[in-house]
Protein backbone atom coordinates (compact mmCIF):
# COMPACT_ATOMS: atom_id res chain seq x y z
CA MET A 1 93.58 133.88 74.62
CA LYS A 2 95.72 130.85 75.25
CA LYS A 3 99.45 131.16 75.35
CA THR A 4 101.36 129.28 72.60
CA HIS A 5 103.62 126.76 74.18
CA ILE A 6 107.02 126.20 72.55
CA CYS A 7 109.59 123.53 73.20
CA LEU A 8 112.67 125.27 74.76
CA ALA A 9 116.27 124.00 74.95
CA ALA A 10 116.43 124.03 78.57
CA ALA A 11 116.94 120.32 78.74
CA THR A 12 120.01 118.76 76.96
CA VAL A 13 119.38 115.92 74.67
CA LEU A 14 122.14 113.67 73.64
CA CYS A 15 121.79 111.09 71.04
CA ALA A 16 123.87 108.48 69.36
CA CYS A 17 123.42 107.27 65.84
CA SER A 18 123.34 103.48 66.01
CA GLY A 19 123.24 101.00 62.93
CA GLY A 20 122.55 102.89 59.74
CA ASN A 21 122.64 102.82 55.97
CA SER A 22 126.28 102.22 55.11
CA ARG A 23 125.46 103.07 51.41
CA ARG A 24 124.29 106.43 52.49
CA GLN A 25 126.97 107.22 54.78
CA ALA A 26 129.59 106.28 52.09
CA ALA A 27 127.76 108.81 49.57
CA GLY A 28 128.60 111.57 52.29
CA GLY A 29 125.44 111.81 54.24
CA SER A 30 124.87 110.11 57.69
CA ALA A 31 121.75 107.89 58.53
CA CYS A 32 120.91 110.17 61.28
CA GLU A 33 120.59 113.05 58.99
CA ASP A 34 118.27 111.17 56.58
CA SER A 35 116.06 109.27 59.20
CA LEU A 36 113.69 112.11 60.01
CA VAL A 37 111.04 113.56 57.66
CA ALA A 38 110.73 117.43 58.47
CA VAL A 39 107.65 118.33 60.08
CA ARG A 40 106.47 121.95 60.07
CA VAL A 41 103.74 123.34 62.41
CA ASP A 42 102.11 126.36 60.77
CA TYR A 43 98.68 126.64 62.52
CA ALA A 44 98.35 124.42 65.48
CA THR A 45 99.48 126.17 68.85
CA GLU A 46 99.26 123.45 71.27
CA PHE A 47 102.22 121.33 70.00
CA ARG A 48 105.76 122.23 68.68
CA VAL A 49 108.40 120.11 67.24
CA ARG A 50 112.07 120.55 67.07
CA ASP A 51 114.65 118.12 65.69
CA SER A 52 118.13 117.21 66.84
CA ALA A 53 120.05 114.64 64.88
CA ASN A 54 117.84 111.54 65.13
CA VAL A 55 115.87 112.70 68.03
CA ARG A 56 112.68 114.49 67.60
CA LEU A 57 111.34 116.68 70.50
CA VAL A 58 107.72 117.18 70.69
CA CYS A 59 106.29 119.62 73.22
CA ILE A 60 102.31 119.39 73.90
CA GLY A 61 100.51 122.05 75.70
CA ALA A 62 102.26 123.44 78.78
CA ASN A 63 103.53 120.31 80.77
CA ASP A 64 104.03 117.28 78.35
CA SER A 65 107.38 116.53 76.50
CA PHE A 66 108.24 113.74 74.42
CA ALA A 67 111.57 112.61 72.66
CA LEU A 68 110.71 110.45 69.79
CA VAL A 69 113.61 108.01 68.93
CA ARG A 70 114.14 105.45 66.25
CA SER A 71 116.22 103.11 68.25
CA ALA A 72 115.97 102.05 72.10
CA ASP A 73 119.83 102.59 72.44
CA VAL A 74 119.43 106.50 72.05
CA GLN A 75 120.02 108.25 75.29
CA VAL A 76 117.62 110.97 76.26
CA TYR A 77 118.35 113.37 79.29
CA GLY A 78 116.02 116.04 80.82
CA ASP A 79 112.27 115.92 81.13
CA TYR A 80 111.51 114.51 77.86
CA ARG A 81 109.66 111.07 77.97
CA LYS A 82 111.41 108.73 75.48
CA VAL A 83 109.00 106.99 72.89
CA GLN A 84 110.43 104.56 70.48
CA VAL A 85 108.71 105.18 67.07
CA PRO A 86 107.03 104.27 64.91
CA ILE A 87 104.41 102.81 67.42
CA ALA A 88 102.70 99.77 66.37
CA ARG A 89 99.88 99.85 68.93
CA THR A 90 97.66 102.51 70.48
CA ILE A 91 94.15 103.45 71.97
CA CYS A 92 92.04 106.37 70.85
CA MET A 93 89.73 108.04 73.47
CA THR A 94 87.72 110.27 71.06
CA ALA A 95 86.24 110.62 67.63
CA LEU A 96 88.47 113.55 66.80
CA GLN A 97 91.64 111.40 67.50
CA LEU A 98 90.24 108.48 65.37
CA SER A 99 89.79 110.90 62.49
CA ASN A 100 93.48 111.53 62.26
CA PHE A 101 94.21 107.74 61.95
CA THR A 102 91.42 107.28 59.19
CA ALA A 103 92.85 110.21 57.18
CA LEU A 104 96.23 108.47 57.41
CA GLU A 105 95.02 105.08 56.46
CA ALA A 106 96.38 103.78 59.75
CA HIS A 107 93.54 101.86 61.44
CA ASP A 108 95.94 98.74 61.75
CA VAL A 109 97.71 100.97 64.65
CA VAL A 110 94.40 101.46 66.74
CA LYS A 111 93.81 98.54 69.11
CA GLY A 112 91.37 100.03 71.49
CA ILE A 113 88.63 102.58 71.59
CA THR A 114 86.20 103.82 74.21
CA GLY A 115 83.05 102.64 72.61
CA THR A 116 81.10 102.32 69.36
CA LYS A 117 77.90 104.41 70.16
CA ASN A 118 77.32 106.50 67.20
CA LEU A 119 80.23 105.12 65.32
CA PHE A 120 79.91 105.19 61.51
CA ASN A 121 83.15 103.94 60.15
CA GLU A 122 82.42 100.52 58.95
CA ASP A 123 86.25 99.41 58.97
CA ILE A 124 86.61 100.10 62.70
CA LYS A 125 83.28 98.40 63.46
CA ARG A 126 84.56 95.23 61.69
CA ARG A 127 87.82 95.39 63.61
CA VAL A 128 85.86 95.75 66.97
CA GLY A 129 83.60 92.89 65.84
CA ASP A 130 86.46 90.59 65.13
CA GLY A 131 88.35 91.41 68.21
CA ARG A 132 91.32 93.31 66.48
CA ILE A 133 90.19 96.43 68.40
CA VAL A 134 88.72 96.31 71.82
CA LYS A 135 86.30 98.59 73.64
CA ILE A 136 87.99 99.67 77.01
CA GLY A 137 85.04 101.53 78.49
CA MET A 138 84.07 105.08 78.61
CA GLU A 139 85.85 107.90 80.50
CA GLY A 140 86.08 107.50 84.24
CA GLU A 141 85.22 103.76 83.80
CA PHE A 142 87.96 102.39 82.02
CA ASP A 143 88.74 98.40 82.08
CA THR A 144 92.14 98.42 82.89
CA GLU A 145 92.62 94.62 82.17
CA LEU A 146 91.30 95.43 78.66
CA ILE A 147 93.72 98.14 78.24
CA LEU A 148 96.55 95.90 79.11
CA ALA A 149 95.27 93.14 76.75
CA ALA A 150 95.36 95.79 73.89
CA ASN A 151 99.19 96.23 74.91
CA PRO A 152 99.29 99.86 73.60
CA ASP A 153 102.57 101.37 73.07
CA VAL A 154 100.99 104.91 74.06
CA ILE A 155 97.62 106.05 74.47
CA PHE A 156 96.25 109.14 73.12
CA ILE A 157 93.99 110.93 75.84
CA SER A 158 91.79 114.06 75.88
CA PRO A 159 92.15 115.83 79.07
CA SER A 160 88.92 117.53 78.79
CA LYS A 161 87.10 114.28 79.41
CA ARG A 162 85.96 113.03 82.71
CA GLY A 163 89.52 111.37 83.17
CA GLY A 164 89.89 107.95 84.96
CA TYR A 165 93.53 108.15 83.82
CA ASP A 166 95.32 107.59 87.23
CA ALA A 167 94.71 103.82 86.99
CA ILE A 168 96.26 103.65 83.48
CA ARG A 169 99.25 105.69 84.62
CA GLU A 170 99.92 102.93 87.24
CA THR A 171 100.23 100.52 84.40
CA GLY A 172 103.34 102.69 83.02
CA ILE A 173 101.83 103.09 79.68
CA THR A 174 102.77 106.48 78.19
CA LEU A 175 99.89 108.80 77.74
CA VAL A 176 100.01 111.39 75.03
CA PRO A 177 97.72 114.61 75.33
CA HIS A 178 95.80 115.08 72.04
CA LEU A 179 94.76 118.71 72.27
CA GLY A 180 93.21 119.30 68.86
CA TYR A 181 89.89 120.21 70.43
CA GLN A 182 91.55 123.36 71.94
CA GLU A 183 92.97 124.74 68.61
CA LEU A 184 91.06 128.13 67.42
CA ASP A 185 92.06 127.83 63.99
CA PRO A 186 90.17 125.26 61.82
CA LEU A 187 93.51 124.46 60.01
CA GLY A 188 95.25 124.12 63.34
CA GLN A 189 92.88 121.52 64.54
CA ALA A 190 93.54 119.52 61.27
CA GLU A 191 97.46 119.89 61.58
CA TRP A 192 97.24 117.48 64.60
CA LEU A 193 97.40 114.98 61.71
CA LYS A 194 100.83 115.69 61.67
CA LEU A 195 101.41 114.80 65.48
CA VAL A 196 99.94 111.46 64.92
CA GLY A 197 101.99 110.99 61.82
CA MET A 198 105.21 111.60 63.86
CA PHE A 199 104.11 108.71 66.50
CA ILE A 200 103.20 106.16 63.73
CA GLY A 201 105.85 106.71 61.13
CA LYS A 202 103.78 108.56 58.59
CA GLU A 203 105.16 111.81 58.63
CA ARG A 204 105.28 112.05 54.92
CA GLU A 205 101.79 111.10 54.40
CA ALA A 206 100.59 113.55 57.09
CA ASN A 207 102.45 116.27 55.31
CA GLU A 208 100.89 115.52 52.02
CA VAL A 209 97.35 115.14 53.37
CA PHE A 210 97.47 118.30 55.35
CA ALA A 211 98.97 120.27 52.28
CA GLY A 212 95.86 119.34 50.41
CA ILE A 213 93.40 120.36 53.27
CA GLU A 214 95.46 123.77 53.50
CA GLN A 215 95.37 124.27 49.69
CA ARG A 216 91.67 123.58 49.38
CA TYR A 217 90.69 125.68 52.63
CA ASN A 218 92.85 128.68 51.59
CA ASP A 219 91.43 128.58 48.02
CA LEU A 220 87.93 128.82 49.27
CA ARG A 221 88.86 131.52 51.96
CA GLY A 222 90.42 133.47 48.92
CA LYS A 223 87.20 133.27 46.93
CA VAL A 224 85.30 134.91 50.25
CA LYS A 225 88.03 137.54 50.70
CA ARG A 226 87.28 138.83 47.31
CA LEU A 227 84.04 139.92 48.73
CA GLU A 228 85.73 141.94 51.57
CA GLY A 229 84.32 145.16 49.85
CA GLU A 230 80.91 143.82 50.47
CA LYS A 231 81.22 143.14 54.19
CA ALA A 232 78.46 145.33 55.11
CA LEU A 233 76.39 142.82 53.14
CA TYR A 234 77.85 139.83 55.01
CA PRO A 235 75.08 137.84 56.71
CA THR A 236 74.97 137.37 60.41
CA VAL A 237 74.85 134.01 62.18
CA PHE A 238 74.37 132.43 65.62
CA SER A 239 74.77 128.94 66.76
CA GLY A 240 73.28 126.27 69.44
CA GLU A 241 69.92 125.90 71.13
CA MET A 242 68.41 125.78 74.55
CA HIS A 243 69.28 122.53 76.85
CA TYR A 244 68.22 122.45 80.39
CA GLY A 245 67.10 125.90 80.71
CA THR A 246 70.42 127.51 79.29
CA TRP A 247 71.90 128.26 76.00
CA HIS A 248 75.55 127.41 75.55
CA ALA A 249 77.00 130.14 73.26
CA VAL A 250 80.51 129.65 72.03
CA GLY A 251 82.77 132.77 72.28
CA GLY A 252 83.97 135.08 69.38
CA LYS A 253 87.32 133.58 69.38
CA ASN A 254 86.23 130.03 69.07
CA TYR A 255 86.85 127.69 66.35
CA LEU A 256 83.46 127.87 65.21
CA ALA A 257 83.43 131.72 65.07
CA GLN A 258 86.50 131.47 62.94
CA ILE A 259 85.04 129.17 60.37
CA PHE A 260 82.05 131.43 60.30
CA ARG A 261 84.31 134.46 59.30
CA ASP A 262 86.17 132.42 56.82
CA ALA A 263 83.15 131.59 55.12
CA GLY A 264 82.02 135.21 54.95
CA ALA A 265 79.54 135.64 57.72
CA ARG A 266 79.44 137.76 60.81
CA TYR A 267 79.13 135.97 64.03
CA VAL A 268 76.74 137.71 66.72
CA ILE A 269 79.25 137.23 69.55
CA ASP A 270 82.43 139.27 68.99
CA ASP A 271 84.15 138.79 72.61
CA GLU A 272 87.52 137.69 73.29
CA GLU A 273 86.19 134.42 74.83
CA THR A 274 86.94 130.88 73.50
CA ALA A 275 84.87 128.61 75.48
CA GLY A 276 81.97 130.79 75.60
CA GLU A 277 79.29 130.89 78.13
CA ASN A 278 75.74 129.55 79.32
CA LEU A 279 72.95 132.35 78.66
CA GLU A 280 69.47 132.57 79.51
CA PHE A 281 67.16 132.73 76.33
CA GLU A 282 66.51 136.34 76.88
CA LYS A 283 70.18 137.30 76.49
CA MET A 284 70.62 134.91 73.51
CA TYR A 285 67.57 136.65 71.93
CA ALA A 286 68.79 140.05 72.42
CA LEU A 287 72.13 139.06 70.60
CA ALA A 288 70.56 137.01 67.75
CA ALA A 289 66.84 138.00 67.36
CA ASP A 290 67.70 139.45 63.75
CA ALA A 291 70.41 137.32 62.76
CA ASP A 292 70.12 135.93 59.15
CA TYR A 293 71.12 132.32 59.92
CA TRP A 294 71.04 130.00 62.92
CA ARG A 295 73.57 127.16 62.91
CA ILE A 296 72.52 123.69 64.91
CA LEU A 297 74.43 120.60 65.44
CA ASN A 298 72.48 118.05 67.40
CA SER A 299 71.77 114.16 67.68
CA PHE A 300 67.98 114.19 67.15
CA PRO A 301 66.26 110.88 66.99
CA GLY A 302 64.54 110.76 63.49
CA GLU A 303 64.29 113.73 61.25
CA PHE A 304 64.81 117.21 62.55
CA SER A 305 62.18 119.98 61.56
CA TYR A 306 61.18 123.39 62.18
CA ASP A 307 58.25 121.80 64.12
CA ALA A 308 60.69 119.81 66.24
CA LEU A 309 62.76 123.14 66.92
CA LYS A 310 59.41 124.94 68.04
CA ALA A 311 58.44 122.04 70.14
CA SER A 312 61.77 121.90 71.94
CA GLU A 313 61.37 125.62 72.97
CA PRO A 314 58.18 127.59 71.81
CA ARG A 315 60.11 130.92 71.73
CA ASN A 316 62.43 129.65 68.94
CA THR A 317 59.85 130.72 66.43
CA LEU A 318 60.71 134.57 67.54
CA PHE A 319 64.05 134.37 65.77
CA LYS A 320 64.16 135.88 62.28
CA ALA A 321 66.32 132.80 61.13
CA PHE A 322 63.50 130.58 62.22
CA GLN A 323 60.94 132.59 60.61
CA GLU A 324 62.78 132.80 57.26
CA LYS A 325 63.81 129.11 57.50
CA HIS A 326 67.43 129.89 57.69
CA VAL A 327 68.47 127.19 59.89
CA ILE A 328 71.77 125.30 59.02
CA TYR A 329 71.64 121.95 60.36
CA CYS A 330 73.74 118.68 60.84
CA ASN A 331 72.45 115.72 62.66
CA MET A 332 75.17 113.65 64.24
CA LYS A 333 73.07 110.80 64.36
CA GLN A 334 73.02 110.55 60.54
CA THR A 335 76.42 112.27 59.80
CA PRO A 336 79.93 111.24 61.12
CA TYR A 337 80.58 114.69 62.10
CA TYR A 338 83.36 114.07 64.72
CA GLU A 339 84.77 111.22 62.83
CA LYS A 340 85.48 113.26 59.87
CA SER A 341 85.20 116.94 60.29
CA PRO A 342 88.44 117.47 62.20
CA VAL A 343 90.44 116.64 59.11
CA MET A 344 88.00 118.04 56.65
CA PRO A 345 87.77 121.84 57.56
CA ASP A 346 87.91 122.58 53.79
CA VAL A 347 84.56 120.75 53.53
CA LEU A 348 82.96 122.25 56.40
CA LEU A 349 83.97 125.74 55.05
CA LYS A 350 82.59 124.97 51.72
CA ASP A 351 79.18 123.74 53.27
CA LEU A 352 78.90 126.98 54.99
CA ILE A 353 79.84 129.17 51.88
CA SER A 354 77.15 127.32 49.94
CA VAL A 355 74.71 128.73 52.34
CA PHE A 356 76.03 132.21 53.03
CA HIS A 357 77.44 132.82 49.38
CA PRO A 358 76.24 130.10 46.83
CA GLU A 359 77.54 132.04 44.13
CA LEU A 360 80.97 130.99 45.14
CA VAL A 361 80.33 127.09 44.87
CA GLU A 362 79.28 124.96 42.00
CA GLU A 363 75.46 125.11 41.30
CA ASP A 364 75.25 121.31 41.84
CA TYR A 365 77.42 121.26 44.99
CA GLU A 366 76.10 118.59 47.47
CA PRO A 367 77.01 119.26 51.34
CA THR A 368 78.64 116.77 53.33
CA PHE A 369 77.79 118.05 56.83
CA TYR A 370 75.72 121.23 56.79
CA ARG A 371 72.64 122.06 54.77
CA LEU A 372 69.72 124.30 55.20
CA LEU A 373 67.06 122.64 57.29
């Protein structure tokens, strides 16, 4: 299990309040006290927030610490990198990051993306088309000149990708890790909305959007929990498919395994791993031969079908879920999965509940991402 990294008070941060609202001060409160909208982090484990007067301290992962300030005159001491907020320009490296800006209606802040392949969002495509957003190239092959032309205040990066960040660091642009993909709780991933909100000055909007996500998710999870007395009847589910001779199976503590459990299903892998491992077909078959459902997420050209699943690996027909036509499917070529799902865990959950426990959702419910193939 990953350790939760918390900002410690090891570094001393001194700040001075400059300017301010004289009417507020006359009323008995300082402008500093009113300048920050409170941000609570309840589910995410990869970032932490601590406020000190008009300085907001943000720790990301184990090694990155930022001091968000409203004025360039504020002094910051210690190992914190100072960022004046709200930022006006940034570059997004992944669709997961972009989902945060879309949810906060903040496309104006996005001045660069890595590419438009499999991009669904029409507004972003228009902005790329008219030059308001530039394509900077893919990981490992960034165009530094285009990055400089975008003139970002910060760049949100994804350390799990192939990198290529050394050349960007030499420009002096502040790189901010976005570790939403490492969260094990579906609500924890969605809560990264709040981190983006703090950088772009939309803390209040982020709090409100997340509160709605949280309420809907927990309401749905509550409906499932009322079935706990019948857990022995919970269906079993497995995920993935063969690629290049191996089957990548996510671990039992993964984000996906958690959302299966919240939807009232038992995931066939119950280990303590998060990333999972690559298995031979025989090993996966031993785990999932009799599982009730099979979840598949891929980018199939055209319409995916049971015939296509059989053609990709003839032994797939041996699974009970194949024989009973219980494949839960999402095609990323037809659905903006990574552009939307990180901030829509409640919708993902409802899609899965509609399969595992259809009696818990409306009869006319239309899934957004997952449906039975």
